Amino acid sequence: MRVRLIVRGSDFQRVLVRDVAYMLLGAAIIALSAQVKRFYIGPVPITLQTLAILLVGVMLGSFRGAGSVITYLIAGQFLPGLFANPAGLSGPTGGYLIGFVFSAWLVGMLFERGWGRSRITTILGLVIGLVPIYAFGLSWLAFYIPAEAVFKVGLLPFIPGEVLKIALAAIAAERIRR
């Protein structure tokens, strides 16, 4: 069996263009999900972004998923209207935005390692994927509101929506796996 050690230029270019296109598509999905704002709970809006982050991680994997979020964050610095909260990284929701990068990477990594093979591991992987979002988000939010209100404003009101988003992402992940 012969192993090819050098990637031909056209193969490398094709893969690079494909990966960049996927990351731009993922960033666009995240940006669109930020525009679906129902209402604010304190400084934090309810959006579809966590659903988009989970799906980007499932669909694109760790590298391209995190790359999509980073692309979105960079674009948002030049076009603040892409963020649900126009203050972006410098505002009270900046921690959630940073957590998005780690979440997309983590979900992608888990699913690359087979966590999407059963419903239980799919749901567990998606729940674990939300941890970085809330860990960074709540820590950052604590600089803007009193510490005793952080969980009441930055986590508890979002739990019912997150349960629904995890269910939707699990259904989508199962369909993608097929």
N, C-alpha and C. Protein backbone atom coordinates (compact mmCIF):
# COMPACT_ATOMS: atom_id res chain seq x y z
N MET A 1 0.84 -1.17 0.00
CA MET A 1 0.00 0.00 0.00
C MET A 1 0.89 1.24 0.00
N ARG A 2 0.56 2.17 -0.85
CA ARG A 2 1.37 3.38 -0.99
C ARG A 2 0.70 4.53 -0.24
N VAL A 3 1.46 5.25 0.56
CA VAL A 3 0.96 6.38 1.32
C VAL A 3 1.46 7.66 0.67
N ARG A 4 0.53 8.56 0.39
CA ARG A 4 0.92 9.83 -0.21
C ARG A 4 1.22 10.82 0.91
N LEU A 5 2.46 11.29 1.00
CA LEU A 5 2.88 12.17 2.07
C LEU A 5 2.67 13.64 1.75
N ILE A 6 2.60 13.97 0.50
CA ILE A 6 2.45 15.37 0.11
C ILE A 6 1.05 15.57 -0.45
N VAL A 7 0.36 16.59 0.08
CA VAL A 7 -0.97 16.92 -0.41
C VAL A 7 -0.80 17.80 -1.64
N ARG A 8 -1.41 17.41 -2.71
CA ARG A 8 -1.32 18.22 -3.92
C ARG A 8 -1.95 19.58 -3.66
N GLY A 9 -1.42 20.60 -4.33
CA GLY A 9 -1.91 21.96 -4.15
C GLY A 9 -3.40 22.09 -4.37
N SER A 10 -3.92 21.46 -5.40
CA SER A 10 -5.34 21.62 -5.70
C SER A 10 -6.21 20.98 -4.63
N ASP A 11 -5.76 19.84 -4.05
CA ASP A 11 -6.51 19.20 -2.97
C ASP A 11 -6.54 20.11 -1.74
N PHE A 12 -5.39 20.66 -1.40
CA PHE A 12 -5.29 21.55 -0.24
C PHE A 12 -6.16 22.78 -0.44
N GLN A 13 -6.10 23.37 -1.63
CA GLN A 13 -6.89 24.56 -1.91
C GLN A 13 -8.39 24.26 -1.85
N ARG A 14 -8.78 23.12 -2.38
CA ARG A 14 -10.19 22.75 -2.38
C ARG A 14 -10.70 22.57 -0.94
N VAL A 15 -9.90 21.91 -0.11
CA VAL A 15 -10.27 21.69 1.29
C VAL A 15 -10.32 23.03 2.03
N LEU A 16 -9.34 23.88 1.79
CA LEU A 16 -9.29 25.19 2.44
C LEU A 16 -10.51 26.03 2.06
N VAL A 17 -10.84 26.08 0.79
CA VAL A 17 -11.99 26.86 0.32
C VAL A 17 -13.28 26.29 0.93
N ARG A 18 -13.38 24.97 0.96
CA ARG A 18 -14.57 24.34 1.54
C ARG A 18 -14.70 24.68 3.02
N ASP A 19 -13.60 24.58 3.77
CA ASP A 19 -13.64 24.88 5.20
C ASP A 19 -13.99 26.34 5.46
N VAL A 20 -13.42 27.26 4.70
CA VAL A 20 -13.73 28.68 4.85
C VAL A 20 -15.21 28.93 4.53
N ALA A 21 -15.72 28.30 3.48
CA ALA A 21 -17.13 28.46 3.12
C ALA A 21 -18.04 27.96 4.24
N TYR A 22 -17.69 26.81 4.82
CA TYR A 22 -18.48 26.28 5.94
C TYR A 22 -18.44 27.22 7.15
N MET A 23 -17.27 27.76 7.43
CA MET A 23 -17.16 28.67 8.58
C MET A 23 -17.95 29.96 8.34
N LEU A 24 -17.93 30.47 7.12
CA LEU A 24 -18.72 31.66 6.81
C LEU A 24 -20.22 31.36 6.92
N LEU A 25 -20.62 30.20 6.46
CA LEU A 25 -22.02 29.80 6.58
C LEU A 25 -22.41 29.67 8.06
N GLY A 26 -21.55 29.05 8.86
CA GLY A 26 -21.81 28.93 10.29
C GLY A 26 -21.91 30.29 10.96
N ALA A 27 -21.02 31.21 10.60
CA ALA A 27 -21.07 32.57 11.16
C ALA A 27 -22.37 33.27 10.77
N ALA A 28 -22.80 33.07 9.54
CA ALA A 28 -24.06 33.68 9.09
C ALA A 28 -25.25 33.12 9.86
N ILE A 29 -25.25 31.82 10.12
CA ILE A 29 -26.33 31.20 10.90
C ILE A 29 -26.37 31.79 12.31
N ILE A 30 -25.20 31.95 12.91
CA ILE A 30 -25.12 32.53 14.26
C ILE A 30 -25.61 33.97 14.24
N ALA A 31 -25.18 34.75 13.25
CA ALA A 31 -25.61 36.15 13.14
C ALA A 31 -27.11 36.25 12.97
N LEU A 32 -27.68 35.40 12.14
CA LEU A 32 -29.14 35.42 11.96
C LEU A 32 -29.86 35.03 13.24
N SER A 33 -29.33 34.07 13.96
CA SER A 33 -29.98 33.63 15.20
C SER A 33 -29.95 34.73 16.26
N ALA A 34 -28.98 35.62 16.19
CA ALA A 34 -28.90 36.73 17.14
C ALA A 34 -29.99 37.76 16.90
N GLN A 35 -30.51 37.78 15.69
CA GLN A 35 -31.54 38.77 15.35
C GLN A 35 -32.92 38.37 15.84
N VAL A 36 -33.08 37.11 16.25
CA VAL A 36 -34.37 36.63 16.75
C VAL A 36 -34.38 36.89 18.26
N LYS A 37 -34.72 38.13 18.62
CA LYS A 37 -34.75 38.54 20.03
C LYS A 37 -36.21 38.66 20.47
N ARG A 38 -36.57 37.89 21.46
CA ARG A 38 -37.94 37.97 21.97
C ARG A 38 -38.05 39.11 22.98
N PHE A 39 -37.22 39.10 23.99
CA PHE A 39 -37.20 40.16 24.98
C PHE A 39 -35.93 40.04 25.82
N TYR A 40 -35.68 41.07 26.60
CA TYR A 40 -34.50 41.09 27.45
C TYR A 40 -34.88 40.71 28.87
N ILE A 41 -34.01 39.97 29.53
CA ILE A 41 -34.12 39.71 30.96
C ILE A 41 -32.93 40.42 31.56
N GLY A 42 -33.16 41.61 32.08
CA GLY A 42 -32.04 42.44 32.50
C GLY A 42 -31.26 42.80 31.24
N PRO A 43 -29.94 42.66 31.28
CA PRO A 43 -29.13 43.02 30.11
C PRO A 43 -28.97 41.88 29.09
N VAL A 44 -29.57 40.72 29.37
CA VAL A 44 -29.35 39.54 28.52
C VAL A 44 -30.60 39.24 27.70
N PRO A 45 -30.49 39.26 26.36
CA PRO A 45 -31.65 38.96 25.52
C PRO A 45 -31.85 37.46 25.33
N ILE A 46 -33.08 37.10 25.13
CA ILE A 46 -33.39 35.71 24.76
C ILE A 46 -33.33 35.64 23.24
N THR A 47 -32.44 34.79 22.73
CA THR A 47 -32.25 34.64 21.28
C THR A 47 -32.19 33.15 20.95
N LEU A 48 -31.94 32.86 19.69
CA LEU A 48 -31.74 31.48 19.25
C LEU A 48 -30.26 31.14 19.11
N GLN A 49 -29.39 31.99 19.65
CA GLN A 49 -27.96 31.79 19.45
C GLN A 49 -27.43 30.49 20.03
N THR A 50 -27.89 30.11 21.23
CA THR A 50 -27.35 28.87 21.79
C THR A 50 -27.74 27.68 20.92
N LEU A 51 -28.93 27.70 20.33
CA LEU A 51 -29.32 26.65 19.40
C LEU A 51 -28.37 26.64 18.19
N ALA A 52 -28.09 27.81 17.66
CA ALA A 52 -27.19 27.92 16.50
C ALA A 52 -25.79 27.44 16.85
N ILE A 53 -25.30 27.78 18.02
CA ILE A 53 -23.96 27.36 18.44
C ILE A 53 -23.89 25.84 18.54
N LEU A 54 -24.90 25.24 19.16
CA LEU A 54 -24.92 23.78 19.28
C LEU A 54 -24.95 23.12 17.90
N LEU A 55 -25.78 23.64 17.02
CA LEU A 55 -25.90 23.06 15.68
C LEU A 55 -24.62 23.24 14.86
N VAL A 56 -24.00 24.39 14.99
CA VAL A 56 -22.74 24.63 14.27
C VAL A 56 -21.67 23.65 14.75
N GLY A 57 -21.62 23.41 16.07
CA GLY A 57 -20.66 22.44 16.59
C GLY A 57 -20.94 21.03 16.08
N VAL A 58 -22.23 20.64 16.07
CA VAL A 58 -22.61 19.31 15.58
C VAL A 58 -22.30 19.16 14.10
N MET A 59 -22.70 20.14 13.31
CA MET A 59 -22.57 20.04 11.85
C MET A 59 -21.14 20.22 11.35
N LEU A 60 -20.40 21.15 11.96
CA LEU A 60 -19.10 21.51 11.40
C LEU A 60 -17.91 20.93 12.15
N GLY A 61 -18.14 20.41 13.33
CA GLY A 61 -17.04 19.85 14.11
C GLY A 61 -16.31 20.91 14.92
N SER A 62 -15.29 20.49 15.62
CA SER A 62 -14.61 21.37 16.57
C SER A 62 -13.89 22.54 15.90
N PHE A 63 -13.06 22.26 14.92
CA PHE A 63 -12.26 23.31 14.29
C PHE A 63 -13.14 24.30 13.52
N ARG A 64 -13.96 23.81 12.62
CA ARG A 64 -14.79 24.71 11.82
C ARG A 64 -15.89 25.36 12.66
N GLY A 65 -16.39 24.65 13.67
CA GLY A 65 -17.41 25.24 14.55
C GLY A 65 -16.86 26.43 15.31
N ALA A 66 -15.70 26.23 15.96
CA ALA A 66 -15.06 27.34 16.68
C ALA A 66 -14.66 28.45 15.71
N GLY A 67 -14.19 28.07 14.52
CA GLY A 67 -13.83 29.07 13.50
C GLY A 67 -15.02 29.90 13.07
N SER A 68 -16.19 29.27 13.01
CA SER A 68 -17.41 30.01 12.66
C SER A 68 -17.73 31.06 13.71
N VAL A 69 -17.60 30.68 14.97
CA VAL A 69 -17.90 31.63 16.05
C VAL A 69 -16.87 32.76 16.06
N ILE A 70 -15.61 32.43 15.88
CA ILE A 70 -14.58 33.46 15.84
C ILE A 70 -14.83 34.42 14.66
N THR A 71 -15.22 33.87 13.53
CA THR A 71 -15.55 34.70 12.37
C THR A 71 -16.71 35.64 12.71
N TYR A 72 -17.73 35.10 13.36
CA TYR A 72 -18.88 35.90 13.79
C TYR A 72 -18.44 37.01 14.75
N LEU A 73 -17.59 36.68 15.71
CA LEU A 73 -17.14 37.69 16.68
C LEU A 73 -16.32 38.79 16.01
N ILE A 74 -15.47 38.41 15.07
CA ILE A 74 -14.68 39.42 14.36
C ILE A 74 -15.60 40.30 13.51
N ALA A 75 -16.53 39.69 12.80
CA ALA A 75 -17.47 40.48 11.98
C ALA A 75 -18.29 41.41 12.86
N GLY A 76 -18.67 40.93 14.03
CA GLY A 76 -19.47 41.75 14.94
C GLY A 76 -18.74 42.96 15.49
N GLN A 77 -17.41 42.90 15.51
CA GLN A 77 -16.65 44.06 15.94
C GLN A 77 -16.74 45.20 14.93
N PHE A 78 -16.92 44.84 13.67
CA PHE A 78 -17.05 45.84 12.62
C PHE A 78 -18.51 46.18 12.33
N LEU A 79 -19.39 45.24 12.59
CA LEU A 79 -20.83 45.43 12.37
C LEU A 79 -21.57 45.05 13.65
N PRO A 80 -21.61 45.96 14.64
CA PRO A 80 -22.21 45.61 15.94
C PRO A 80 -23.67 45.16 15.85
N GLY A 81 -24.35 45.49 14.79
CA GLY A 81 -25.73 45.04 14.62
C GLY A 81 -25.86 43.54 14.48
N LEU A 82 -24.74 42.84 14.25
CA LEU A 82 -24.78 41.38 14.18
C LEU A 82 -25.00 40.75 15.55
N PHE A 83 -24.62 41.47 16.60
CA PHE A 83 -24.79 40.96 17.96
C PHE A 83 -26.20 41.25 18.45
N ALA A 84 -26.70 40.38 19.31
CA ALA A 84 -28.02 40.61 19.91
C ALA A 84 -27.98 41.86 20.79
N ASN A 85 -26.87 42.05 21.50
CA ASN A 85 -26.65 43.25 22.30
C ASN A 85 -25.55 44.04 21.59
N PRO A 86 -25.87 45.23 21.08
CA PRO A 86 -24.88 45.98 20.27
C PRO A 86 -23.56 46.27 20.98
N ALA A 87 -23.53 46.18 22.32
CA ALA A 87 -22.28 46.41 23.04
C ALA A 87 -21.28 45.29 22.77
N GLY A 88 -21.78 44.15 22.34
CA GLY A 88 -20.91 43.04 21.94
C GLY A 88 -19.99 42.56 23.04
N LEU A 89 -18.73 42.36 22.68
CA LEU A 89 -17.76 41.81 23.63
C LEU A 89 -17.48 42.72 24.81
N SER A 90 -17.70 44.00 24.65
CA SER A 90 -17.41 44.92 25.75
C SER A 90 -18.62 45.15 26.65
N GLY A 91 -19.74 44.54 26.34
CA GLY A 91 -20.94 44.73 27.15
C GLY A 91 -21.20 43.58 28.10
N PRO A 92 -22.34 43.60 28.76
CA PRO A 92 -22.65 42.58 29.77
C PRO A 92 -22.81 41.17 29.20
N THR A 93 -23.03 41.04 27.91
CA THR A 93 -23.18 39.72 27.31
C THR A 93 -21.89 39.22 26.66
N GLY A 94 -20.80 39.94 26.83
CA GLY A 94 -19.53 39.55 26.23
C GLY A 94 -19.04 38.18 26.65
N GLY A 95 -19.29 37.80 27.88
CA GLY A 95 -18.87 36.49 28.36
C GLY A 95 -19.59 35.36 27.66
N TYR A 96 -20.87 35.57 27.38
CA TYR A 96 -21.62 34.55 26.63
C TYR A 96 -21.01 34.39 25.24
N LEU A 97 -20.66 35.51 24.61
CA LEU A 97 -20.07 35.47 23.27
C LEU A 97 -18.75 34.70 23.28
N ILE A 98 -17.92 34.93 24.28
CA ILE A 98 -16.66 34.21 24.39
C ILE A 98 -16.94 32.72 24.63
N GLY A 99 -17.91 32.45 25.47
CA GLY A 99 -18.28 31.06 25.74
C GLY A 99 -18.75 30.32 24.50
N PHE A 100 -19.32 31.06 23.54
CA PHE A 100 -19.76 30.44 22.29
C PHE A 100 -18.62 29.71 21.58
N VAL A 101 -17.43 30.31 21.59
CA VAL A 101 -16.28 29.69 20.92
C VAL A 101 -15.97 28.34 21.54
N PHE A 102 -15.89 28.31 22.85
CA PHE A 102 -15.56 27.07 23.55
C PHE A 102 -16.68 26.04 23.44
N SER A 103 -17.91 26.53 23.43
CA SER A 103 -19.05 25.63 23.30
C SER A 103 -19.07 24.94 21.94
N ALA A 104 -18.92 25.72 20.87
CA ALA A 104 -18.91 25.12 19.52
C ALA A 104 -17.76 24.13 19.38
N TRP A 105 -16.59 24.49 19.92
CA TRP A 105 -15.46 23.58 19.87
C TRP A 105 -15.75 22.30 20.65
N LEU A 106 -16.29 22.45 21.86
CA LEU A 106 -16.54 21.29 22.72
C LEU A 106 -17.59 20.36 22.12
N VAL A 107 -18.70 20.92 21.65
CA VAL A 107 -19.74 20.09 21.03
C VAL A 107 -19.16 19.39 19.80
N GLY A 108 -18.44 20.13 18.98
CA GLY A 108 -17.83 19.52 17.80
C GLY A 108 -16.89 18.39 18.15
N MET A 109 -16.07 18.60 19.17
CA MET A 109 -15.12 17.57 19.59
C MET A 109 -15.85 16.34 20.12
N LEU A 110 -16.88 16.55 20.93
CA LEU A 110 -17.64 15.41 21.47
C LEU A 110 -18.29 14.61 20.35
N PHE A 111 -18.88 15.29 19.39
CA PHE A 111 -19.56 14.59 18.30
C PHE A 111 -18.56 13.95 17.33
N GLU A 112 -17.39 14.54 17.19
CA GLU A 112 -16.34 13.90 16.39
C GLU A 112 -15.89 12.59 17.03
N ARG A 113 -16.01 12.52 18.34
CA ARG A 113 -15.60 11.32 19.08
C ARG A 113 -16.74 10.35 19.32
N GLY A 114 -17.85 10.57 18.63
CA GLY A 114 -18.94 9.59 18.67
C GLY A 114 -20.05 9.84 19.67
N TRP A 115 -20.11 11.01 20.28
CA TRP A 115 -21.14 11.27 21.26
C TRP A 115 -22.54 11.36 20.65
N GLY A 116 -22.67 11.43 19.38
CA GLY A 116 -23.97 11.53 18.74
C GLY A 116 -24.55 10.20 18.30
N ARG A 117 -24.00 9.11 18.77
CA ARG A 117 -24.45 7.79 18.30
C ARG A 117 -25.74 7.32 18.95
N SER A 118 -26.07 7.83 20.11
CA SER A 118 -27.33 7.46 20.76
C SER A 118 -28.01 8.73 21.25
N ARG A 119 -29.29 8.62 21.53
CA ARG A 119 -30.03 9.80 22.01
C ARG A 119 -29.47 10.31 23.33
N ILE A 120 -29.13 9.40 24.21
CA ILE A 120 -28.63 9.81 25.53
C ILE A 120 -27.32 10.57 25.40
N THR A 121 -26.37 10.02 24.64
CA THR A 121 -25.09 10.72 24.50
C THR A 121 -25.24 12.00 23.69
N THR A 122 -26.18 12.02 22.75
CA THR A 122 -26.43 13.25 22.00
C THR A 122 -26.90 14.35 22.94
N ILE A 123 -27.92 14.05 23.73
CA ILE A 123 -28.47 15.05 24.67
C ILE A 123 -27.42 15.45 25.70
N LEU A 124 -26.70 14.48 26.23
CA LEU A 124 -25.66 14.78 27.22
C LEU A 124 -24.57 15.66 26.61
N GLY A 125 -24.16 15.35 25.39
CA GLY A 125 -23.15 16.17 24.72
C GLY A 125 -23.62 17.60 24.51
N LEU A 126 -24.89 17.78 24.17
CA LEU A 126 -25.43 19.12 23.97
C LEU A 126 -25.53 19.88 25.29
N VAL A 127 -25.92 19.19 26.36
CA VAL A 127 -25.98 19.83 27.68
C VAL A 127 -24.58 20.25 28.12
N ILE A 128 -23.62 19.36 27.95
CA ILE A 128 -22.23 19.69 28.29
C ILE A 128 -21.76 20.88 27.46
N GLY A 129 -22.20 20.95 26.22
CA GLY A 129 -21.82 22.06 25.34
C GLY A 129 -22.31 23.42 25.81
N LEU A 130 -23.38 23.44 26.60
CA LEU A 130 -23.88 24.72 27.12
C LEU A 130 -23.05 25.24 28.31
N VAL A 131 -22.32 24.35 28.95
CA VAL A 131 -21.56 24.74 30.15
C VAL A 131 -20.61 25.91 29.90
N PRO A 132 -19.78 25.89 28.85
CA PRO A 132 -18.87 27.03 28.65
C PRO A 132 -19.62 28.35 28.42
N ILE A 133 -20.76 28.29 27.75
CA ILE A 133 -21.52 29.52 27.50
C ILE A 133 -21.92 30.17 28.82
N TYR A 134 -22.49 29.37 29.70
CA TYR A 134 -22.96 29.93 30.97
C TYR A 134 -21.82 30.18 31.95
N ALA A 135 -20.76 29.38 31.90
CA ALA A 135 -19.62 29.63 32.79
C ALA A 135 -18.98 30.99 32.48
N PHE A 136 -18.69 31.23 31.20
CA PHE A 136 -18.12 32.52 30.81
C PHE A 136 -19.15 33.64 30.95
N GLY A 137 -20.37 33.36 30.52
CA GLY A 137 -21.41 34.39 30.54
C GLY A 137 -21.73 34.89 31.93
N LEU A 138 -21.92 33.98 32.88
CA LEU A 138 -22.26 34.39 34.24
C LEU A 138 -21.08 35.07 34.93
N SER A 139 -19.87 34.58 34.68
CA SER A 139 -18.68 35.21 35.27
C SER A 139 -18.54 36.64 34.80
N TRP A 140 -18.75 36.85 33.51
CA TRP A 140 -18.64 38.19 32.91
C TRP A 140 -19.78 39.09 33.39
N LEU A 141 -20.98 38.53 33.45
CA LEU A 141 -22.16 39.28 33.86
C LEU A 141 -22.03 39.80 35.29
N ALA A 142 -21.28 39.08 36.13
CA ALA A 142 -21.09 39.47 37.53
C ALA A 142 -20.38 40.82 37.66
N PHE A 143 -19.71 41.28 36.61
CA PHE A 143 -19.09 42.60 36.64
C PHE A 143 -20.10 43.71 36.38
N TYR A 144 -21.28 43.36 35.90
CA TYR A 144 -22.27 44.36 35.50
C TYR A 144 -23.49 44.42 36.41
N ILE A 145 -23.77 43.35 37.12
CA ILE A 145 -24.93 43.35 38.01
C ILE A 145 -24.49 42.79 39.36
N PRO A 146 -25.26 43.02 40.40
CA PRO A 146 -24.88 42.48 41.72
C PRO A 146 -24.75 40.96 41.68
N ALA A 147 -23.76 40.45 42.38
CA ALA A 147 -23.44 39.01 42.36
C ALA A 147 -24.63 38.15 42.75
N GLU A 148 -25.45 38.60 43.69
CA GLU A 148 -26.59 37.79 44.12
C GLU A 148 -27.68 37.69 43.05
N ALA A 149 -27.62 38.54 42.04
CA ALA A 149 -28.63 38.51 40.98
C ALA A 149 -28.16 37.79 39.72
N VAL A 150 -26.91 37.36 39.68
CA VAL A 150 -26.34 36.79 38.46
C VAL A 150 -27.12 35.56 38.00
N PHE A 151 -27.35 34.60 38.88
CA PHE A 151 -28.06 33.38 38.48
C PHE A 151 -29.52 33.68 38.16
N LYS A 152 -30.11 34.60 38.92
CA LYS A 152 -31.51 34.94 38.71
C LYS A 152 -31.73 35.64 37.37
N VAL A 153 -30.77 36.41 36.92
CA VAL A 153 -30.89 37.16 35.67
C VAL A 153 -30.23 36.43 34.50
N GLY A 154 -29.09 35.78 34.74
CA GLY A 154 -28.30 35.24 33.65
C GLY A 154 -28.43 33.76 33.38
N LEU A 155 -29.16 33.01 34.24
CA LEU A 155 -29.28 31.57 34.02
C LEU A 155 -30.71 31.06 34.15
N LEU A 156 -31.32 31.26 35.30
CA LEU A 156 -32.63 30.64 35.58
C LEU A 156 -33.70 30.92 34.53
N PRO A 157 -33.85 32.15 34.05
CA PRO A 157 -34.91 32.39 33.06
C PRO A 157 -34.67 31.69 31.72
N PHE A 158 -33.44 31.26 31.49
CA PHE A 158 -33.09 30.66 30.20
C PHE A 158 -33.23 29.15 30.18
N ILE A 159 -33.38 28.54 31.33
CA ILE A 159 -33.42 27.07 31.40
C ILE A 159 -34.55 26.47 30.58
N PRO A 160 -35.80 26.95 30.68
CA PRO A 160 -36.86 26.34 29.84
C PRO A 160 -36.55 26.43 28.34
N GLY A 161 -36.04 27.55 27.90
CA GLY A 161 -35.69 27.71 26.50
C GLY A 161 -34.54 26.80 26.09
N GLU A 162 -33.58 26.63 26.98
CA GLU A 162 -32.44 25.75 26.68
C GLU A 162 -32.89 24.30 26.56
N VAL A 163 -33.85 23.90 27.38
CA VAL A 163 -34.37 22.53 27.27
C VAL A 163 -34.99 22.33 25.89
N LEU A 164 -35.76 23.30 25.43
CA LEU A 164 -36.36 23.22 24.10
C LEU A 164 -35.29 23.23 23.01
N LYS A 165 -34.29 24.10 23.15
CA LYS A 165 -33.22 24.17 22.15
C LYS A 165 -32.41 22.88 22.09
N ILE A 166 -32.17 22.26 23.25
CA ILE A 166 -31.45 20.98 23.27
C ILE A 166 -32.27 19.92 22.56
N ALA A 167 -33.58 19.91 22.79
CA ALA A 167 -34.44 18.94 22.10
C ALA A 167 -34.39 19.15 20.59
N LEU A 168 -34.48 20.40 20.15
CA LEU A 168 -34.42 20.68 18.71
C LEU A 168 -33.05 20.31 18.13
N ALA A 169 -31.98 20.65 18.86
CA ALA A 169 -30.63 20.32 18.38
C ALA A 169 -30.42 18.81 18.35
N ALA A 170 -31.00 18.08 19.31
CA ALA A 170 -30.86 16.61 19.32
C ALA A 170 -31.57 15.99 18.13
N ILE A 171 -32.75 16.51 17.81
CA ILE A 171 -33.49 16.03 16.63
C ILE A 171 -32.68 16.31 15.37
N ALA A 172 -32.15 17.52 15.26
CA ALA A 172 -31.35 17.89 14.09
C ALA A 172 -30.08 17.03 14.01
N ALA A 173 -29.43 16.80 15.16
CA ALA A 173 -28.20 15.99 15.17
C ALA A 173 -28.51 14.56 14.71
N GLU A 174 -29.64 14.03 15.12
CA GLU A 174 -30.00 12.68 14.68
C GLU A 174 -30.23 12.63 13.19
N ARG A 175 -30.87 13.64 12.65
CA ARG A 175 -31.11 13.69 11.21
C ARG A 175 -29.80 13.89 10.44
N ILE A 176 -28.90 14.69 10.98
CA ILE A 176 -27.61 14.91 10.34
C ILE A 176 -26.80 13.61 10.34
N ARG A 177 -26.85 12.89 11.45
CA ARG A 177 -26.11 11.63 11.56
C ARG A 177 -26.57 10.63 10.50
N ARG A 178 -27.87 10.62 10.20
CA ARG A 178 -28.39 9.70 9.19
C ARG A 178 -27.93 10.13 7.83
